Amino acid sequence: MENLTVSIKIEDAKKEKVDRFLASLLLQEGIKVTVQEAIGLMVEYALENEEEIIRKLKDLHPLEKDPAWKALENPKHWGIRDSSKRIDEFAYGKWTGMTIFVQHELVQGIY
């Protein structure tokens, strides 16, 4: 197995909830973990509880209504040599959240 680190974007409000959770974990239980460790465990928990996660995912906004998804159906020439760096900004506005890094093990045959 190989350890890889990937970056993900998380909304400020969700990052604040994680920070509050980790602070209460330290104060109430004396357990100190990094954000990276906590998010990694949350991902593992989600995968172990697949049915519940699927139910919650079905409640999310449909992808077909997502501005980025709609833009793929009607591509435009922006006059920019490499516009891939600006797609999120175009679709969602300027990013104001925080990027966090999650390290996970790459299991051969899964990715």
Protein backbone atom coordinates (compact mmCIF):
# COMPACT_ATOMS: atom_id res chain seq x y z
CA MET A 1 0.00 0.00 0.00
CA GLU A 2 1.12 3.49 -0.82
CA ASN A 3 0.22 6.62 1.15
CA LEU A 4 -1.00 9.51 -0.96
CA THR A 5 -2.03 12.98 0.07
CA VAL A 6 -4.76 14.77 -1.87
CA SER A 7 -6.22 18.20 -1.35
CA ILE A 8 -9.94 18.72 -0.96
CA LYS A 9 -11.98 21.87 -0.57
CA ILE A 10 -14.28 22.19 2.40
CA GLU A 11 -16.62 25.06 3.20
CA ASP A 12 -15.56 27.38 6.02
CA ALA A 13 -18.64 26.46 8.08
CA LYS A 14 -17.82 22.74 7.88
CA LYS A 15 -14.15 23.38 8.69
CA GLU A 16 -15.23 25.36 11.75
CA LYS A 17 -17.47 22.47 12.86
CA VAL A 18 -14.54 20.07 12.55
CA ASP A 19 -12.33 22.47 14.53
CA ARG A 20 -14.97 22.77 17.28
CA PHE A 21 -15.36 19.00 17.36
CA LEU A 22 -11.61 18.49 17.70
CA ALA A 23 -11.41 21.14 20.43
CA SER A 24 -14.21 19.48 22.41
CA LEU A 25 -12.57 16.10 21.89
CA LEU A 26 -9.39 17.45 23.44
CA LEU A 27 -11.15 19.21 26.32
CA GLN A 28 -13.65 16.49 27.20
CA GLU A 29 -11.72 13.33 26.36
CA GLY A 30 -8.08 14.45 26.35
CA ILE A 31 -7.69 13.14 22.79
CA LYS A 32 -5.62 15.26 20.41
CA VAL A 33 -5.67 14.47 16.69
CA THR A 34 -4.91 16.50 13.59
CA VAL A 35 -7.58 17.66 11.18
CA GLN A 36 -6.04 15.32 8.62
CA GLU A 37 -6.38 12.31 10.96
CA ALA A 38 -9.95 13.23 11.89
CA ILE A 39 -11.10 13.70 8.27
CA GLY A 40 -9.40 10.43 7.33
CA LEU A 41 -11.33 8.58 10.05
CA MET A 42 -14.55 10.30 8.99
CA VAL A 43 -14.03 9.07 5.43
CA GLU A 44 -13.40 5.54 6.68
CA TYR A 45 -16.53 5.71 8.85
CA ALA A 46 -18.59 6.93 5.90
CA LEU A 47 -17.38 4.04 3.76
CA GLU A 48 -18.17 1.55 6.53
CA ASN A 49 -21.69 3.01 6.79
CA GLU A 50 -22.41 3.08 3.08
CA GLU A 51 -26.21 2.80 3.26
CA GLU A 52 -26.53 5.85 5.51
CA ILE A 53 -24.16 7.88 3.34
CA ILE A 54 -26.04 6.90 0.17
CA ARG A 55 -29.30 8.03 1.78
CA LYS A 56 -27.75 11.40 2.65
CA LEU A 57 -26.21 11.77 -0.81
CA LYS A 58 -29.63 11.25 -2.40
CA ASP A 59 -30.84 14.30 -0.45
CA LEU A 60 -28.17 16.54 -1.99
CA HIS A 61 -28.72 19.00 -4.82
CA PRO A 62 -28.89 17.06 -8.12
CA LEU A 63 -25.69 17.21 -10.16
CA GLU A 64 -27.66 18.06 -13.29
CA LYS A 65 -28.60 21.41 -11.70
CA ASP A 66 -24.98 22.22 -10.77
CA PRO A 67 -23.63 25.25 -12.68
CA ALA A 68 -20.39 23.45 -13.59
CA TRP A 69 -22.30 20.46 -14.93
CA LYS A 70 -24.51 22.74 -17.01
CA ALA A 71 -21.44 24.55 -18.36
CA LEU A 72 -20.10 21.24 -19.68
CA GLU A 73 -23.20 20.91 -21.83
CA ASN A 74 -22.59 24.31 -23.44
CA PRO A 75 -18.82 24.91 -23.59
CA LYS A 76 -17.58 28.42 -24.36
CA HIS A 77 -14.27 29.71 -25.64
CA TRP A 78 -13.03 32.05 -22.93
CA GLY A 79 -10.02 33.35 -24.81
CA ILE A 80 -7.76 32.01 -22.08
CA ARG A 81 -5.08 29.50 -23.00
CA ASP A 82 -5.66 27.31 -19.94
CA SER A 83 -9.02 28.10 -18.40
CA SER A 84 -9.09 24.94 -16.25
CA LYS A 85 -7.72 26.91 -13.30
CA ARG A 86 -10.67 29.32 -13.48
CA ILE A 87 -13.56 26.92 -13.97
CA ASP A 88 -14.47 26.73 -10.26
CA GLU A 89 -14.29 30.51 -9.98
CA PHE A 90 -16.56 30.89 -13.02
CA ALA A 91 -19.04 28.26 -11.85
CA TYR A 92 -19.14 28.96 -8.13
CA GLY A 93 -17.56 32.36 -7.60
CA LYS A 94 -14.31 33.07 -5.84
CA TRP A 95 -13.38 30.32 -3.35
CA THR A 96 -13.55 31.52 0.25
CA GLY A 97 -13.28 28.16 1.94
CA MET A 98 -10.26 26.31 3.15
CA THR A 99 -8.36 23.59 1.37
CA ILE A 100 -7.34 20.72 3.63
CA PHE A 101 -5.15 17.77 2.86
CA VAL A 102 -6.19 14.20 3.51
CA GLN A 103 -3.71 11.39 3.49
CA HIS A 104 -5.01 7.95 2.64
CA GLU A 105 -3.63 4.62 1.67
CA LEU A 106 -3.75 3.66 -1.96
CA VAL A 107 -4.86 0.05 -2.14
CA GLN A 108 -3.74 -1.52 -5.36
CA GLY A 109 -6.67 -2.33 -7.60
CA ILE A 110 -9.06 0.18 -6.02
CA TYR A 111 -7.83 3.40 -7.67
